[in-house]
Amino acid sequence: MSTLISQKITSELQEELLEKLLDLAFLEDFGAKEESAEHPFDLTTAATVNPNLRTRAEILIKEPGVIAGLPFLAKVMARLSDQVNIELLTEDGVFIDQTQIPLAVARLEGPAQAILKGERLALNIMQRLSGIASQTRLYTQLASAVGIAILDTRKTTPGLRVLERYGVRAGGGTNHRFGLFDAILIKDNHVKIAGGVKEAAAAAQNYLQNHPHIKMSQIMEVEVSTLAELKSAQELGVKRVLLDNMTPDMVQKAIQQISDGDSECFVEVSGGINLSNLKSYLINGVDAISTGALTHSVKNIDLSLEFLD
Protein backbone atom coordinates (compact mmCIF):
# COMPACT_ATOMS: atom_id res chain seq x y z
CA MET A 1 0.00 0.00 0.00
CA SER A 2 2.98 2.33 0.47
CA THR A 3 3.17 2.93 -3.29
CA LEU A 4 -0.27 4.53 -3.11
CA ILE A 5 0.57 7.10 -0.48
CA SER A 6 2.73 10.20 -0.62
CA GLN A 7 5.26 10.76 2.14
CA LYS A 8 3.58 10.54 5.53
CA ILE A 9 3.57 13.74 7.49
CA THR A 10 5.20 13.31 10.86
CA SER A 11 3.14 12.38 13.87
CA GLU A 12 4.51 15.52 15.52
CA LEU A 13 3.03 17.72 12.80
CA GLN A 14 -0.31 15.94 12.95
CA GLU A 15 -0.42 16.40 16.72
CA GLU A 16 0.51 20.09 16.40
CA LEU A 17 -2.26 20.67 13.87
CA LEU A 18 -4.79 18.87 16.04
CA GLU A 19 -3.88 20.90 19.12
CA LYS A 20 -4.15 24.17 17.18
CA LEU A 21 -7.50 23.06 15.81
CA LEU A 22 -8.74 22.39 19.35
CA ASP A 23 -7.33 25.73 20.52
CA LEU A 24 -9.48 27.51 17.92
CA ALA A 25 -12.52 25.39 18.71
CA PHE A 26 -12.21 26.21 22.40
CA LEU A 27 -11.80 29.89 21.57
CA GLU A 28 -15.06 29.73 19.59
CA ASP A 29 -16.98 28.11 22.43
CA PHE A 30 -15.44 29.70 25.51
CA GLY A 31 -14.20 33.10 24.33
CA ALA A 32 -10.84 34.70 25.11
CA LYS A 33 -8.46 32.83 27.37
CA GLU A 34 -8.68 33.89 30.99
CA GLU A 35 -6.70 32.90 34.03
CA SER A 36 -9.58 31.90 36.27
CA ALA A 37 -10.90 28.86 38.06
CA GLU A 38 -13.93 28.78 35.76
CA HIS A 39 -12.06 28.84 32.46
CA PRO A 40 -13.08 27.43 30.00
CA PHE A 41 -16.22 29.38 30.82
CA ASP A 42 -19.70 28.14 29.89
CA LEU A 43 -22.20 30.72 31.13
CA THR A 44 -25.26 28.45 31.04
CA THR A 45 -23.54 25.50 32.72
CA ALA A 46 -22.01 27.72 35.38
CA ALA A 47 -25.45 29.18 36.12
CA THR A 48 -27.36 25.90 36.29
CA VAL A 49 -25.10 22.98 37.24
CA ASN A 50 -23.46 22.28 40.59
CA PRO A 51 -19.68 22.12 40.00
CA ASN A 52 -19.42 19.11 42.34
CA LEU A 53 -22.04 17.06 40.49
CA ARG A 54 -20.84 13.88 38.76
CA THR A 55 -22.88 12.11 36.11
CA ARG A 56 -22.90 9.38 33.47
CA ALA A 57 -23.70 9.68 29.77
CA GLU A 58 -23.64 7.73 26.53
CA ILE A 59 -22.94 8.76 22.97
CA LEU A 60 -25.43 7.17 20.58
CA ILE A 61 -25.26 6.69 16.83
CA LYS A 62 -28.80 7.13 15.54
CA GLU A 63 -28.57 6.26 11.85
CA PRO A 64 -26.65 3.67 9.82
CA GLY A 65 -23.05 4.59 9.17
CA VAL A 66 -19.37 4.09 9.91
CA ILE A 67 -18.32 5.40 13.30
CA ALA A 68 -15.21 7.60 13.32
CA GLY A 69 -13.59 10.10 15.67
CA LEU A 70 -13.75 8.24 18.97
CA PRO A 71 -10.13 9.10 19.94
CA PHE A 72 -10.92 12.80 19.65
CA LEU A 73 -13.72 12.47 22.21
CA ALA A 74 -11.05 11.76 24.81
CA LYS A 75 -8.89 14.67 23.62
CA VAL A 76 -11.75 17.13 23.99
CA MET A 77 -12.76 15.91 27.45
CA ALA A 78 -9.17 15.78 28.70
CA ARG A 79 -8.87 19.52 28.08
CA LEU A 80 -11.85 20.11 30.35
CA SER A 81 -11.15 17.69 33.18
CA ASP A 82 -8.81 14.83 34.02
CA GLN A 83 -11.72 13.26 35.90
CA VAL A 84 -13.81 12.27 32.86
CA ASN A 85 -13.59 8.52 32.36
CA ILE A 86 -14.44 7.21 28.88
CA GLU A 87 -15.31 3.65 27.92
CA LEU A 88 -15.31 2.98 24.19
CA LEU A 89 -17.98 0.44 23.24
CA THR A 90 -16.89 0.02 19.62
CA GLU A 91 -13.99 1.18 17.46
CA ASP A 92 -13.53 3.52 14.54
CA GLY A 93 -14.18 2.00 11.13
CA VAL A 94 -17.04 -0.21 12.28
CA PHE A 95 -20.21 -0.02 10.20
CA ILE A 96 -23.43 0.20 12.23
CA ASP A 97 -26.40 -1.05 10.26
CA GLN A 98 -30.10 -0.27 10.50
CA THR A 99 -30.83 -3.17 12.85
CA GLN A 100 -28.39 -1.88 15.50
CA ILE A 101 -29.46 1.73 15.92
CA PRO A 102 -29.67 3.54 18.21
CA LEU A 103 -26.40 2.12 19.52
CA ALA A 104 -24.16 3.39 22.32
CA VAL A 105 -20.61 3.79 21.00
CA ALA A 106 -19.05 5.35 24.11
CA ARG A 107 -19.88 5.82 27.78
CA LEU A 108 -18.67 8.74 29.90
CA GLU A 109 -18.53 9.24 33.67
CA GLY A 110 -17.27 12.32 35.45
CA PRO A 111 -17.95 15.96 36.34
CA ALA A 112 -21.24 17.05 34.80
CA GLN A 113 -19.93 20.51 33.97
CA ALA A 114 -16.98 19.15 31.98
CA ILE A 115 -19.17 16.75 30.00
CA LEU A 116 -21.67 19.49 29.20
CA LYS A 117 -18.91 21.86 28.08
CA GLY A 118 -17.35 19.33 25.73
CA GLU A 119 -20.51 17.71 24.43
CA ARG A 120 -21.09 19.75 21.27
CA LEU A 121 -17.46 20.01 20.16
CA ALA A 122 -16.92 16.26 20.56
CA LEU A 123 -20.15 15.49 18.70
CA ASN A 124 -19.35 17.95 15.91
CA ILE A 125 -16.03 16.21 15.28
CA MET A 126 -17.45 12.70 15.46
CA GLN A 127 -20.50 13.48 13.31
CA ARG A 128 -18.32 15.03 10.61
CA LEU A 129 -15.75 12.24 10.59
CA SER A 130 -18.43 9.55 10.69
CA GLY A 131 -20.07 11.18 7.67
CA ILE A 132 -16.76 11.15 5.77
CA ALA A 133 -16.05 7.55 6.77
CA SER A 134 -19.53 6.47 5.70
CA GLN A 135 -19.20 8.20 2.33
CA THR A 136 -15.74 6.71 1.79
CA ARG A 137 -17.03 3.23 2.58
CA LEU A 138 -19.51 3.45 -0.30
CA TYR A 139 -16.62 4.05 -2.71
CA THR A 140 -14.19 1.55 -1.23
CA GLN A 141 -16.76 -1.25 -1.18
CA LEU A 142 -16.96 -1.02 -4.98
CA ALA A 143 -13.35 -0.24 -5.80
CA SER A 144 -11.53 -2.57 -3.42
CA ALA A 145 -13.25 -5.57 -4.99
CA VAL A 146 -11.14 -4.99 -8.11
CA GLY A 147 -7.99 -3.85 -6.32
CA ILE A 148 -8.36 -0.11 -6.92
CA ALA A 149 -7.58 2.30 -4.07
CA ILE A 150 -9.81 5.27 -3.28
CA LEU A 151 -7.82 8.44 -2.54
CA ASP A 152 -8.85 11.72 -0.98
CA THR A 153 -7.77 15.18 -2.22
CA ARG A 154 -6.90 18.58 -0.78
CA LYS A 155 -10.55 19.62 -1.13
CA THR A 156 -10.96 19.65 2.62
CA THR A 157 -12.34 22.18 5.10
CA PRO A 158 -9.53 24.67 5.86
CA GLY A 159 -7.96 23.78 9.20
CA LEU A 160 -9.71 20.41 9.44
CA ARG A 161 -7.61 18.39 7.01
CA VAL A 162 -5.83 16.36 9.68
CA LEU A 163 -9.24 15.23 11.00
CA GLU A 164 -10.97 14.73 7.67
CA ARG A 165 -8.15 12.56 6.35
CA TYR A 166 -8.58 10.44 9.46
CA GLY A 167 -12.24 9.98 8.52
CA VAL A 168 -11.23 8.82 5.04
CA ARG A 169 -8.93 6.18 6.53
CA ALA A 170 -11.68 5.03 8.90
CA GLY A 171 -13.88 4.39 5.87
CA GLY A 172 -11.23 2.27 4.14
CA GLY A 173 -9.83 5.02 1.91
CA THR A 174 -6.22 6.05 1.35
CA ASN A 175 -4.71 9.47 1.90
CA HIS A 176 -3.15 11.34 -1.00
CA ARG A 177 -0.45 13.97 -0.34
CA PHE A 178 -1.18 15.99 2.77
CA GLY A 179 -0.34 19.44 1.49
CA LEU A 180 1.81 21.33 -0.97
CA PHE A 181 5.04 20.41 0.77
CA ASP A 182 5.22 16.62 0.68
CA ALA A 183 4.95 15.63 -3.00
CA ILE A 184 5.12 17.09 -6.49
CA LEU A 185 1.80 17.04 -8.30
CA ILE A 186 2.00 18.89 -11.62
CA LYS A 187 -1.53 20.02 -12.43
CA ASP A 188 -3.08 21.68 -15.46
CA ASN A 189 -2.25 25.23 -14.39
CA HIS A 190 1.38 24.31 -13.75
CA VAL A 191 1.45 22.85 -17.25
CA LYS A 192 -0.05 25.99 -18.78
CA ILE A 193 2.39 28.31 -17.04
CA ALA A 194 5.41 26.10 -17.77
CA GLY A 195 4.51 25.80 -21.46
CA GLY A 196 3.48 22.15 -21.61
CA VAL A 197 3.66 18.78 -19.87
CA LYS A 198 7.17 18.07 -21.09
CA GLU A 199 8.47 21.45 -19.96
CA ALA A 200 6.83 21.22 -16.53
CA ALA A 201 7.95 17.64 -15.86
CA ALA A 202 11.49 18.31 -17.05
CA ALA A 203 11.72 21.37 -14.81
CA ALA A 204 10.52 19.34 -11.82
CA GLN A 205 12.99 16.55 -12.51
CA ASN A 206 15.80 19.08 -12.75
CA TYR A 207 14.68 20.72 -9.50
CA LEU A 208 14.78 17.39 -7.66
CA GLN A 209 18.20 16.57 -9.04
CA ASN A 210 19.47 19.90 -7.72
CA HIS A 211 17.82 19.38 -4.32
CA PRO A 212 18.76 15.79 -3.34
CA HIS A 213 18.02 16.56 0.31
CA ILE A 214 14.29 16.57 -0.44
CA LYS A 215 13.25 13.19 0.96
CA MET A 216 10.13 12.88 -1.16
CA SER A 217 12.12 13.18 -4.39
CA GLN A 218 10.94 9.78 -5.60
CA ILE A 219 7.35 11.03 -5.67
CA MET A 220 6.34 13.07 -8.70
CA GLU A 221 2.97 12.85 -10.38
CA VAL A 222 1.90 14.54 -13.58
CA GLU A 223 -1.71 15.34 -14.46
CA VAL A 224 -2.60 14.75 -18.11
CA SER A 225 -5.89 15.25 -19.89
CA THR A 226 -5.05 13.99 -23.40
CA LEU A 227 -3.17 11.07 -24.89
CA ALA A 228 -0.65 13.53 -26.36
CA GLU A 229 0.11 14.90 -22.88
CA LEU A 230 0.43 11.34 -21.62
CA LYS A 231 2.96 10.59 -24.34
CA SER A 232 5.04 13.62 -23.32
CA ALA A 233 5.07 12.38 -19.73
CA GLN A 234 6.05 8.89 -20.89
CA GLU A 235 8.93 10.22 -22.94
CA LEU A 236 10.39 11.74 -19.78
CA GLY A 237 10.01 8.50 -17.85
CA VAL A 238 7.32 9.75 -15.47
CA LYS A 239 6.30 6.86 -13.22
CA ARG A 240 3.02 8.25 -11.89
CA VAL A 241 0.30 9.92 -13.94
CA LEU A 242 -3.11 11.32 -13.08
CA LEU A 243 -5.63 10.92 -15.90
CA ASP A 244 -7.83 13.96 -15.40
CA ASN A 245 -11.38 14.39 -16.67
CA MET A 246 -11.10 11.54 -19.15
CA THR A 247 -14.05 9.43 -20.19
CA PRO A 248 -13.85 5.72 -19.38
CA ASP A 249 -13.09 5.08 -23.06
CA MET A 250 -10.18 7.53 -22.94
CA VAL A 251 -8.90 5.91 -19.77
CA GLN A 252 -8.90 2.55 -21.55
CA LYS A 253 -6.88 4.04 -24.41
CA ALA A 254 -4.45 5.70 -22.01
CA ILE A 255 -3.81 2.43 -20.21
CA GLN A 256 -3.24 0.70 -23.52
CA GLN A 257 -0.77 3.42 -24.50
CA ILE A 258 1.10 2.97 -21.23
CA SER A 259 1.14 -0.80 -21.76
CA ASP A 260 2.43 -0.40 -25.33
CA GLY A 261 5.22 1.78 -24.00
CA ASP A 262 6.45 -1.16 -21.94
CA SER A 263 6.95 1.00 -18.85
CA GLU A 264 5.77 0.57 -15.28
CA CYS A 265 3.52 3.48 -14.36
CA PHE A 266 1.14 4.14 -11.50
CA VAL A 267 -2.21 5.25 -12.92
CA GLU A 268 -4.55 7.49 -10.94
CA VAL A 269 -7.88 8.65 -12.37
CA SER A 270 -9.73 11.76 -11.23
CA GLY A 271 -12.18 14.44 -12.29
CA GLY A 272 -15.95 14.26 -12.00
CA ILE A 273 -15.99 10.75 -10.57
CA ASN A 274 -18.78 10.08 -8.09
CA LEU A 275 -20.96 7.21 -6.94
CA SER A 276 -23.18 7.48 -10.00
CA ASN A 277 -20.36 6.76 -12.47
CA LEU A 278 -17.71 5.07 -10.33
CA LYS A 279 -18.34 1.59 -11.72
CA SER A 280 -17.50 2.70 -15.26
CA TYR A 281 -14.02 3.72 -14.07
CA LEU A 282 -13.20 0.42 -12.37
CA ILE A 283 -10.93 -0.47 -15.27
CA ASN A 284 -8.12 -3.00 -15.31
CA GLY A 285 -4.86 -1.07 -15.12
CA VAL A 286 -6.19 1.74 -12.92
CA ASP A 287 -4.36 1.75 -9.58
CA ALA A 288 -6.30 4.48 -7.79
CA ILE A 289 -9.25 6.83 -8.12
CA SER A 290 -9.20 10.17 -6.31
CA THR A 291 -12.28 12.22 -5.54
CA GLY A 292 -12.94 15.35 -3.53
CA ALA A 293 -16.45 14.10 -2.83
CA LEU A 294 -15.10 12.10 0.11
CA THR A 295 -14.63 15.32 2.07
CA HIS A 296 -16.31 18.28 0.39
CA SER A 297 -19.88 17.03 0.06
CA VAL A 298 -20.77 14.67 2.86
CA LYS A 299 -23.70 14.53 5.26
CA ASN A 300 -22.93 14.30 8.97
CA ILE A 301 -24.02 11.13 10.74
CA ASP A 302 -26.56 11.71 13.50
CA LEU A 303 -25.00 11.25 16.96
CA SER A 304 -26.21 12.46 20.31
CA LEU A 305 -25.09 12.50 23.93
CA GLU A 306 -27.69 11.25 26.40
CA PHE A 307 -27.35 11.48 30.18
CA LEU A 308 -28.05 8.34 32.17
CA ASP A 309 -28.55 9.98 35.59
Foldseek 3Di string as FASTA:
>chain_A
DVVQAFDDDDPVVLVVLVVVLVVVVLCVQQNDDDPDPCPSPDPVCVVPPDQPDKFKKFKWFAAWFFWDQVVVLVVLLVVQDPFKDKDAPDDGLDTDHPVQPRDTGMMIIGGPSSCVSRFPVSQVLRQQLRQLLRQLLLLCVQQVVLQAAEEEDQLADVSCQSSNQRSNVSNVHHYYDSDDQGAAEADDVLQVVLVHLLSSVVVLLVVCVVVVVRPSSVHHEYEDAALVNLVSCVVVVAAEYEHEPDFLVRVVVNQVVVVVSVHHHAYEYEYPDHSVCSNSNSDPNHHYYYDNCSHNPTGGGDMHMGTPD
